[in-house]
């Protein structure tokens, strides 16, 4: 019987050797076997091996070893053990094939690895029990005690591992997401592994957070469902100020910001009223969290500017009436202006006599691109949007706030406006016509020299008057200065 069983036994041994070698040889030859093909090959080899073993041992689950020549029983036991190992490889391959078909290898990697480990442990116990006929009851009892000891010793690590499994199943975040973890950690997720989650913080550091802490902490995924980030700031204003004026000033400040999203539109709500101040919450959103810090800086700057020009004071803790803030007069606006601040006080006072106030509604046009300049504006309240017409339509280049001048350089150089200006909110502005500049120069000829000096203040002052004729004049200040002097001479005659 031993001799009769030798040929199937030899074939079984050869099949055990060939089964793992074929995929490796294919890899060395540059042939890539996909996972499904490797599993199919192992299933085929396993079926053939089962048929051969039935001729040698009967059922692999209840083997009957044939005692023949010396060492033949051990040979049969080795082949039986190989049959179990191939079966384990097939089970693991099928499990991983299901993971690939679901298209979620990253999220289920931990579970797949744990399942493979469990299959290998069960296979080893099966080999000990079926192939080598060693009772495993005592081994299981001993391993149970060992497992308890190891569980107590590795309690923290096991807690991280099983928390990692929970994170993999729930998928509250993935690599690349911007994540906030309770405790002050915020950054982009770099890696999620068995034990921890690695987060790249804004300080160019890697924070390693154990999964057990992640599972218990409050999380905010800044990247889901979209990268858009919403935020709010709180402003406490004088309780004596009229609420409508406060809200209008704060809304105008949000309209002046270019880093805030227009949709959803920023909003202002009064959230509290106390004896020492009224609390207003300004809500807004930005394209992504990376731009939040700059957006907050811009918003605070505009809020300060608009509240100052509206005469609204910030609240003072514990004081029912904070120091009063007065609305800047036209003379003060000219004094604080980058353009007119260089003039002497008496010259600014002379110009003040010729300015006239104008009120505009949202959508009203102040200047139009290509038009000949007839006057300049000093903005007292509200926001004006500066646009340049292009092939794809108007393009926003700037938004002007109270205290800024509009169209001055165009009026001085007498060149067509290269941009348009439209009121975004209700506005109050002061207008100075070109003819009034000529009248002022005739009253004080030295004003022409002062305006000549204004032109030499450089490109910084010129760029603030956004409606300059074109960039070429800024690139050639001598050309601009000659044109300015010629125009001022014309006005003075």
Foldseek 3Di string as FASTA:
>chain_A
DVVVLPVLLVVLVVLLVVLVVVQVVCVVVVHDDDLVRNLVSLVVSLVSSQVSQCSAFNHLQAGDHDDDDPPRLVSNLVSSLSSLVSVLVNVLSVVVVVCVVVVQCQLCVLVSVVVSVVSVVVSVVSSVCRSVVDDCPVVVVVVVVVVVVVCVVCVLQVLLQVLLNVCSVVVPDDAQWWKDWPPGFTAGFHGRDRFFTWGQGPVRDIDTGGSNSVSVIDMDTCPPPHQKDKDKDKFWWQLPDDVVLLQVLLLLLQVQQPQWDPVVPWHKDFDDHDQQTTMIMIMTMGRHPVCPVVRVVSSVVSSVQSCLQSFIGGTDPPDNGDDTRDHDDQLRLLCLALQNVLDDSVLSVLQVVQWDKDKDAFFDWDAAAQDFDFKKKQWRAAKKWKWAQDPVGTDTDHIDGHSAMECPQSLLLRAGFRIIIGTRHITMIIIHTSLSVLVSCLVPVCVLVSSLVSLVVADVSVVSRVRHRDCVCNVPSVVSSVSSNVSSVVSPD
